[in-house]
Amino acid sequence: MSAQSLKPGWKMVKFGDIAQNVAVRVDPADAKTDVYVGLEHLDPSTIHLRQWGHPTDVTGQKLAFKKGDVIFGRRRAYQRKLAVAEFDGICSAHAMVVRAKPKMILPEFLPFFLQSDMFMERAIEISVGSLSPTINWKTLKVQEFPLPPLDEQKRIAEILWTADESIERWIAVARNLEITGKMLRTNLIHNSAFPRERLSDVCVLKGGSTFKPAFQGKKAGQYPFIKVSDMNSAGNEEFITVAENYVDENDIRQMKTTVFPKGAVVFAKVGAALLLNRRRMLVAETCIDNNMMAAIPDNEKLTTEFLYLFMLDVDFRNYVQEGALPSINNKIVGEITIPIPPINDQKDIVFKHRAVMSGFSEADKNISLTRELVLSLLTDFLEGAAHV
């Protein structure tokens, strides 16, 4: 944006004229604070500081920050990490402590200014270094940006902080619902009122088949071939519907594999997906690869939905075998015991859990939509598409 295209009252300013780089260095051993903020503590999805460490966790000189300062990740700026300090502390020297010059930019407007695409894209552009690109203050302070007058900054900040408060409320709702779901599952696992049986006695535990390169990108075929990567890309979805490869009856005969029925509970038996406790239910008859196992109830004692719910909180890391890769097998899984409530009780438990998690999904959706709205408004406000 050029000076000629600015709205009335706006002006082009150098960043160093509106904000200062607070470079007060402190030895962690001498820091009069219990708060240390590293880049790993900054969450790109929020301007709030939700986690931190302790000065005893680190060595070497750090930067001191005060309440109201913005901690901005100048190293790997493309990660878009920043947070408003709500208390005093020290932070990594790979961050930059930015403080508003109130006569030019309001402290409550500054974090949103830094979060905008306009600022972030410039920050990434001026970063230097290949492995860990970093911003130099000398370069950043001379960069020019359009800036609205203080009264308009105030109105923009009021709108964006209101949206941010909405996000925080939805986060609290989502957190409470997630905890409620976790409690339901924990009570299920440890419920002593129901008899327990080994999974091998109430389920059929099966493995899949090796995925051959010949199937890569194959679209024709009746059966989707689910791989571990498909499990990961499904996010928090209960059912797995993602598949890039399909096989037909002839392929299945060649592989000598099993076709798993709709509703089978599938989980990884090796690698990172095992440690991350990936669990899914199939939405179609599916052939899966040899890094998966399925637990298919084969009697009237157990529903697949209840089995899935139970499996969500079974931590396979407690059963991992020693070896080059973390892994489990049918025998290990088969020894795990599961509570067996009456079928109607199983259905009631599943219904309650789904209701809770449906609320969680709705809250999570609203968080994402409001965050998108904030970024969209930022762009409109700072690039002149909207007037406040």
Foldseek 3Di string as FASTA:
>chain_A
DDQVPDDPQKGKDFQLVWKPWQADKDFLVPDPDQFEAEQVQFDQLDQARDDTGGSVVDGDIWGKEAQLWKWQQQKPLVNNTIHGHRGIDTYHPSTTTMDGPCVAANSLLVVLVCSAPVNSVVSVVQFDDDPITGGDPVVRRGDIAMDHDHVQSVVLSVVLVVLVVVLVVLVVLLVVLVVVLVVLLVCQFPVPVFDKDFLVVFWDKFFFFADDPVQQQADDADAFEDELVQLVVVPPDQAGDDGRGHHYPVVCVVRVTDFAAFLWKKAFFWAPSLQVLRIHTYHGRHGYYRRMMTIGGDDQQDHSLLVRSNSSPDRCVVVFDDDPITGDDPVSSRRDMGGGDHPVVSVVSSVVSVVSVVSSVVSVVSSVVSSVVSNVVSCCDRVVVDGD
